PDB file of N, CA and C in Angstrom:
ATOM      1  N   MET A   1     140.482 219.122 143.124  1.00  0.00           N
ATOM      2  CA  MET A   1     141.453 218.122 142.861  1.00  0.00           C
ATOM      3  C   MET A   1     141.624 218.007 141.344  1.00  0.00           C
ATOM      4  N   LEU A   2     142.860 217.872 140.889  1.00  0.00           N
ATOM      5  CA  LEU A   2     143.195 217.776 139.477  1.00  0.00           C
ATOM      6  C   LEU A   2     144.019 216.524 139.253  1.00  0.00           C
ATOM      7  N   LEU A   3     143.606 215.706 138.312  1.00  0.00           N
ATOM      8  CA  LEU A   3     144.338 214.474 137.995  1.00  0.00           C
ATOM      9  C   LEU A   3     144.842 214.560 136.560  1.00  0.00           C
ATOM     10  N   THR A   4     146.059 214.198 136.341  1.00  0.00           N
ATOM     11  CA  THR A   4     146.627 214.130 134.998  1.00  0.00           C
ATOM     12  C   THR A   4     147.339 212.807 134.835  1.00  0.00           C
ATOM     13  N   GLY A   5     147.526 212.407 133.587  1.00  0.00           N
ATOM     14  CA  GLY A   5     148.226 211.154 133.348  1.00  0.00           C
ATOM     15  C   GLY A   5     148.595 211.023 131.882  1.00  0.00           C
ATOM     16  N   CYS A   6     149.405 210.047 131.591  1.00  0.00           N
ATOM     17  CA  CYS A   6     149.837 209.767 130.225  1.00  0.00           C
ATOM     18  C   CYS A   6     149.437 208.346 129.874  1.00  0.00           C
ATOM     19  N   SER A   7     148.971 208.183 128.673  1.00  0.00           N
ATOM     20  CA  SER A   7     148.661 206.833 128.203  1.00  0.00           C
ATOM     21  C   SER A   7     148.867 206.802 126.697  1.00  0.00           C
ATOM     22  N   SER A   8     149.101 205.621 126.176  1.00  0.00           N
ATOM     23  CA  SER A   8     149.234 205.490 124.724  1.00  0.00           C
ATOM     24  C   SER A   8     147.885 205.078 124.167  1.00  0.00           C
ATOM     25  N   ASN A   9     147.508 205.699 123.088  1.00  0.00           N
ATOM     26  CA  ASN A   9     146.239 205.393 122.454  1.00  0.00           C
ATOM     27  C   ASN A   9     146.540 204.588 121.189  1.00  0.00           C
ATOM     28  N   PRO A  10     146.106 203.327 121.109  1.00  0.00           N
ATOM     29  CA  PRO A  10     146.411 202.522 119.927  1.00  0.00           C
ATOM     30  C   PRO A  10     145.794 203.098 118.641  1.00  0.00           C
ATOM     31  N   ALA A  11     144.809 203.962 118.748  1.00  0.00           N
ATOM     32  CA  ALA A  11     144.212 204.560 117.557  1.00  0.00           C
ATOM     33  C   ALA A  11     145.156 205.569 116.910  1.00  0.00           C
ATOM     34  N   ASP A  12     146.163 206.039 117.649  1.00  0.00           N
ATOM     35  CA  ASP A  12     147.115 206.988 117.094  1.00  0.00           C
ATOM     36  C   ASP A  12     148.165 206.314 116.218  1.00  0.00           C
ATOM     37  N   ALA A  13     148.314 205.011 116.319  1.00  0.00           N
ATOM     38  CA  ALA A  13     149.318 204.287 115.533  1.00  0.00           C
ATOM     39  C   ALA A  13     148.823 204.147 114.091  1.00  0.00           C
ATOM     40  N   PRO A  14     149.722 204.145 113.112  1.00  0.00           N
ATOM     41  CA  PRO A  14     149.279 203.961 111.723  1.00  0.00           C
ATOM     42  C   PRO A  14     148.705 202.561 111.531  1.00  0.00           C
ATOM     43  N   PRO A  15     147.766 202.419 110.608  1.00  0.00           N
ATOM     44  CA  PRO A  15     147.174 201.100 110.389  1.00  0.00           C
ATOM     45  C   PRO A  15     148.195 200.143 109.784  1.00  0.00           C
ATOM     46  N   PRO A  16     148.035 198.857 110.033  1.00  0.00           N
ATOM     47  CA  PRO A  16     148.961 197.887 109.434  1.00  0.00           C
ATOM     48  C   PRO A  16     148.782 197.881 107.914  1.00  0.00           C
ATOM     49  N   THR A  17     149.851 197.642 107.207  1.00  0.00           N
ATOM     50  CA  THR A  17     149.790 197.621 105.746  1.00  0.00           C
ATOM     51  C   THR A  17     150.299 196.286 105.224  1.00  0.00           C
ATOM     52  N   ILE A  18     149.935 195.998 103.985  1.00  0.00           N
ATOM     53  CA  ILE A  18     150.432 194.800 103.311  1.00  0.00           C
ATOM     54  C   ILE A  18     151.212 195.246 102.085  1.00  0.00           C
ATOM     55  N   ALA A  19     152.042 194.379 101.581  1.00  0.00           N
ATOM     56  CA  ALA A  19     152.830 194.707 100.388  1.00  0.00           C
ATOM     57  C   ALA A  19     151.888 194.850  99.193  1.00  0.00           C
ATOM     58  N   PRO A  20     152.087 195.853  98.334  1.00  0.00           N
ATOM     59  CA  PRO A  20     151.212 196.007  97.168  1.00  0.00           C
ATOM     60  C   PRO A  20     151.364 194.839  96.202  1.00  0.00           C
ATOM     61  N   ALA A  21     150.296 194.571  95.486  1.00  0.00           N
ATOM     62  CA  ALA A  21     150.314 193.485  94.504  1.00  0.00           C
ATOM     63  C   ALA A  21     151.180 193.872  93.313  1.00  0.00           C
ATOM     64  N   ARG A  22     151.693 192.873  92.613  1.00  0.00           N
ATOM     65  CA  ARG A  22     152.468 193.142  91.410  1.00  0.00           C
ATOM     66  C   ARG A  22     151.965 192.225  90.308  1.00  0.00           C
ATOM     67  N   ALA A  23     152.206 192.620  89.090  1.00  0.00           N
ATOM     68  CA  ALA A  23     151.719 191.861  87.939  1.00  0.00           C
ATOM     69  C   ALA A  23     152.407 190.505  87.851  1.00  0.00           C
ATOM     70  N   ALA A  24     151.684 189.547  87.325  1.00  0.00           N
ATOM     71  CA  ALA A  24     152.245 188.212  87.133  1.00  0.00           C
ATOM     72  C   ALA A  24     153.230 188.230  85.973  1.00  0.00           C
ATOM     73  N   ASP A  25     154.172 187.329  85.993  1.00  0.00           N
ATOM     74  CA  ASP A  25     155.136 187.209  84.902  1.00  0.00           C
ATOM     75  C   ASP A  25     154.493 186.441  83.749  1.00  0.00           C
ATOM     76  N   SER A  26     154.577 186.987  82.552  1.00  0.00           N
ATOM     77  CA  SER A  26     154.027 186.323  81.373  1.00  0.00           C
ATOM     78  C   SER A  26     154.962 185.213  80.919  1.00  0.00           C
ATOM     79  N   PRO A  27     154.399 184.130  80.407  1.00  0.00           N
ATOM     80  CA  PRO A  27     155.268 183.075  79.880  1.00  0.00           C
ATOM     81  C   PRO A  27     155.929 183.555  78.589  1.00  0.00           C
ATOM     82  N   PRO A  28     157.077 183.015  78.255  1.00  0.00           N
ATOM     83  CA  PRO A  28     157.728 183.423  77.002  1.00  0.00           C
ATOM     84  C   PRO A  28     156.907 182.967  75.793  1.00  0.00           C
ATOM     85  N   ALA A  29     156.973 183.740  74.720  1.00  0.00           N
ATOM     86  CA  ALA A  29     156.249 183.386  73.494  1.00  0.00           C
ATOM     87  C   ALA A  29     156.872 182.140  72.886  1.00  0.00           C
ATOM     88  N   ALA A  30     156.030 181.197  72.490  1.00  0.00           N
ATOM     89  CA  ALA A  30     156.521 179.943  71.929  1.00  0.00           C
ATOM     90  C   ALA A  30     156.981 180.125  70.483  1.00  0.00           C
ATOM     91  N   ALA A  31     156.315 180.996  69.760  1.00  0.00           N
ATOM     92  CA  ALA A  31     156.659 181.219  68.349  1.00  0.00           C
ATOM     93  C   ALA A  31     156.218 182.618  67.958  1.00  0.00           C
ATOM     94  N   GLY A  32     156.705 183.075  66.827  1.00  0.00           N
ATOM     95  CA  GLY A  32     156.301 184.389  66.330  1.00  0.00           C
ATOM     96  C   GLY A  32     154.835 184.397  65.933  1.00  0.00           C
ATOM     97  N   MET A  33     154.214 185.553  66.020  1.00  0.00           N
ATOM     98  CA  MET A  33     152.814 185.672  65.645  1.00  0.00           C
ATOM     99  C   MET A  33     152.700 185.736  64.125  1.00  0.00           C
ATOM    100  N   PRO A  34     151.635 185.168  63.557  1.00  0.00           N
ATOM    101  CA  PRO A  34     151.458 185.235  62.108  1.00  0.00           C
ATOM    102  C   PRO A  34     151.034 186.639  61.687  1.00  0.00           C
ATOM    103  N   GLY A  35     151.337 187.004  60.465  1.00  0.00           N
ATOM    104  CA  GLY A  35     150.911 188.297  59.945  1.00  0.00           C
ATOM    105  C   GLY A  35     152.048 189.282  59.849  1.00  0.00           C
ATOM    106  N   THR A  36     151.700 190.483  59.406  1.00  0.00           N
ATOM    107  CA  THR A  36     152.674 191.544  59.214  1.00  0.00           C
ATOM    108  C   THR A  36     152.215 192.776  59.977  1.00  0.00           C
ATOM    109  N   VAL A  37     153.133 193.461  60.617  1.00  0.00           N
ATOM    110  CA  VAL A  37     152.814 194.684  61.349  1.00  0.00           C
ATOM    111  C   VAL A  37     153.255 195.875  60.514  1.00  0.00           C
ATOM    112  N   PHE A  38     152.319 196.801  60.265  1.00  0.00           N
ATOM    113  CA  PHE A  38     152.605 198.026  59.526  1.00  0.00           C
ATOM    114  C   PHE A  38     152.391 199.216  60.453  1.00  0.00           C
ATOM    115  N   PRO A  39     153.181 200.280  60.315  1.00  0.00           N
ATOM    116  CA  PRO A  39     152.949 201.467  61.146  1.00  0.00           C
ATOM    117  C   PRO A  39     151.655 202.164  60.728  1.00  0.00           C
ATOM    118  N   LEU A  40     150.946 202.741  61.701  1.00  0.00           N
ATOM    119  CA  LEU A  40     149.734 203.494  61.397  1.00  0.00           C
ATOM    120  C   LEU A  40     150.104 204.860  60.845  1.00  0.00           C
ATOM    121  N   ALA A  41     149.195 205.454  60.101  1.00  0.00           N
ATOM    122  CA  ALA A  41     149.419 206.799  59.565  1.00  0.00           C
ATOM    123  C   ALA A  41     149.526 207.793  60.714  1.00  0.00           C
ATOM    124  N   ALA A  42     150.260 208.855  60.488  1.00  0.00           N
ATOM    125  CA  ALA A  42     150.424 209.882  61.519  1.00  0.00           C
ATOM    126  C   ALA A  42     149.067 210.479  61.868  1.00  0.00           C
ATOM    127  N   GLY A  43     148.840 210.720  63.115  1.00  0.00           N
ATOM    128  CA  GLY A  43     147.594 211.331  63.559  1.00  0.00           C
ATOM    129  C   GLY A  43     146.487 210.352  63.878  1.00  0.00           C
ATOM    130  N   ALA A  44     146.704 209.068  63.719  1.00  0.00           N
ATOM    131  CA  ALA A  44     145.671 208.093  64.053  1.00  0.00           C
ATOM    132  C   ALA A  44     145.478 208.073  65.562  1.00  0.00           C
ATOM    133  N   VAL A  45     144.220 208.183  65.996  1.00  0.00           N
ATOM    134  CA  VAL A  45     143.931 208.195  67.428  1.00  0.00           C
ATOM    135  C   VAL A  45     143.129 206.980  67.873  1.00  0.00           C
ATOM    136  N   ALA A  46     142.566 206.235  66.928  1.00  0.00           N
ATOM    137  CA  ALA A  46     141.804 205.039  67.267  1.00  0.00           C
ATOM    138  C   ALA A  46     141.827 204.090  66.080  1.00  0.00           C
ATOM    139  N   ALA A  47     141.616 202.823  66.366  1.00  0.00           N
ATOM    140  CA  ALA A  47     141.582 201.819  65.309  1.00  0.00           C
ATOM    141  C   ALA A  47     140.527 200.774  65.647  1.00  0.00           C
ATOM    142  N   VAL A  48     139.817 200.308  64.621  1.00  0.00           N
ATOM    143  CA  VAL A  48     138.796 199.277  64.782  1.00  0.00           C
ATOM    144  C   VAL A  48     139.032 198.231  63.705  1.00  0.00           C
ATOM    145  N   TYR A  49     138.994 196.955  64.103  1.00  0.00           N
ATOM    146  CA  TYR A  49     139.192 195.862  63.151  1.00  0.00           C
ATOM    147  C   TYR A  49     137.865 195.159  62.917  1.00  0.00           C
ATOM    148  N   ASP A  50     137.521 194.946  61.652  1.00  0.00           N
ATOM    149  CA  ASP A  50     136.317 194.215  61.267  1.00  0.00           C
ATOM    150  C   ASP A  50     136.738 192.837  60.784  1.00  0.00           C
ATOM    151  N   ASP A  51     136.413 191.823  61.556  1.00  0.00           N
ATOM    152  CA  ASP A  51     136.831 190.460  61.231  1.00  0.00           C
ATOM    153  C   ASP A  51     136.127 189.933  59.981  1.00  0.00           C
ATOM    154  N   ALA A  52     134.888 190.364  59.741  1.00  0.00           N
ATOM    155  CA  ALA A  52     134.142 189.867  58.579  1.00  0.00           C
ATOM    156  C   ALA A  52     134.808 190.288  57.274  1.00  0.00           C
ATOM    157  N   THR A  53     135.300 191.522  57.205  1.00  0.00           N
ATOM    158  CA  THR A  53     135.935 192.014  55.980  1.00  0.00           C
ATOM    159  C   THR A  53     137.452 192.029  56.085  1.00  0.00           C
ATOM    160  N   ARG A  54     137.959 191.660  57.241  1.00  0.00           N
ATOM    161  CA  ARG A  54     139.396 191.673  57.517  1.00  0.00           C
ATOM    162  C   ARG A  54     139.991 193.046  57.210  1.00  0.00           C
ATOM    163  N   SER A  55     139.281 194.088  57.671  1.00  0.00           N
ATOM    164  CA  SER A  55     139.691 195.472  57.425  1.00  0.00           C
ATOM    165  C   SER A  55     140.029 196.168  58.739  1.00  0.00           C
ATOM    166  N   LEU A  56     141.028 197.030  58.686  1.00  0.00           N
ATOM    167  CA  LEU A  56     141.387 197.868  59.822  1.00  0.00           C
ATOM    168  C   LEU A  56     141.053 199.306  59.455  1.00  0.00           C
ATOM    169  N   VAL A  57     140.203 199.936  60.248  1.00  0.00           N
ATOM    170  CA  VAL A  57     139.810 201.322  60.023  1.00  0.00           C
ATOM    171  C   VAL A  57     140.470 202.167  61.093  1.00  0.00           C
ATOM    172  N   THR A  58     141.160 203.233  60.675  1.00  0.00           N
ATOM    173  CA  THR A  58     141.785 204.139  61.640  1.00  0.00           C
ATOM    174  C   THR A  58     141.073 205.478  61.607  1.00  0.00           C
ATOM    175  N   LEU A  59     140.990 206.117  62.766  1.00  0.00           N
ATOM    176  CA  LEU A  59     140.344 207.414  62.895  1.00  0.00           C
ATOM    177  C   LEU A  59     141.381 208.456  63.261  1.00  0.00           C
ATOM    178  N   GLY A  60     141.275 209.619  62.648  1.00  0.00           N
ATOM    179  CA  GLY A  60     142.209 210.700  62.936  1.00  0.00           C
ATOM    180  C   GLY A  60     141.535 212.046  62.757  1.00  0.00           C
ATOM    181  N   ALA A  61     142.262 213.112  63.042  1.00  0.00           N
ATOM    182  CA  ALA A  61     141.711 214.463  62.978  1.00  0.00           C
ATOM    183  C   ALA A  61     141.451 214.902  61.547  1.00  0.00           C
ATOM    184  N   GLY A  62     142.251 214.515  60.596  1.00  0.00           N
ATOM    185  CA  GLY A  62     142.063 214.909  59.211  1.00  0.00           C
ATOM    186  C   GLY A  62     142.642 216.281  58.923  1.00  0.00           C
ATOM    187  N   ALA A  63     142.504 216.715  57.694  1.00  0.00           N
ATOM    188  CA  ALA A  63     143.028 218.015  57.269  1.00  0.00           C
ATOM    189  C   ALA A  63     142.117 219.136  57.769  1.00  0.00           C
ATOM    190  N   PRO A  64     142.656 220.333  58.012  1.00  0.00           N
ATOM    191  CA  PRO A  64     141.834 221.440  58.524  1.00  0.00           C
ATOM    192  C   PRO A  64     140.718 221.867  57.576  1.00  0.00           C
ATOM    193  N   ASP A  65     140.860 221.648  56.269  1.00  0.00           N
ATOM    194  CA  ASP A  65     139.837 222.084  55.314  1.00  0.00           C
ATOM    195  C   ASP A  65     138.728 221.057  55.116  1.00  0.00           C
ATOM    196  N   ARG A  66     138.694 220.005  55.883  1.00  0.00           N
ATOM    197  CA  ARG A  66     137.660 218.968  55.725  1.00  0.00           C
ATOM    198  C   ARG A  66     136.690 218.990  56.859  1.00  0.00           C
TER     199      ARG A  66
END
């Protein structure tokens, strides 16, 4: 004797999904920031600020002969 049949398997259905999260909206700036913005030298790959000396140090590849 041979028995056959059809059934739906709920494991074959895709899992339920939720909407992806999105970033929060930032509030508008109340006023301009103090200070002056200067462009970094070409080739700068990192920057570190020292609050004690109020210095900005930039790191770069440098010249080939150095």
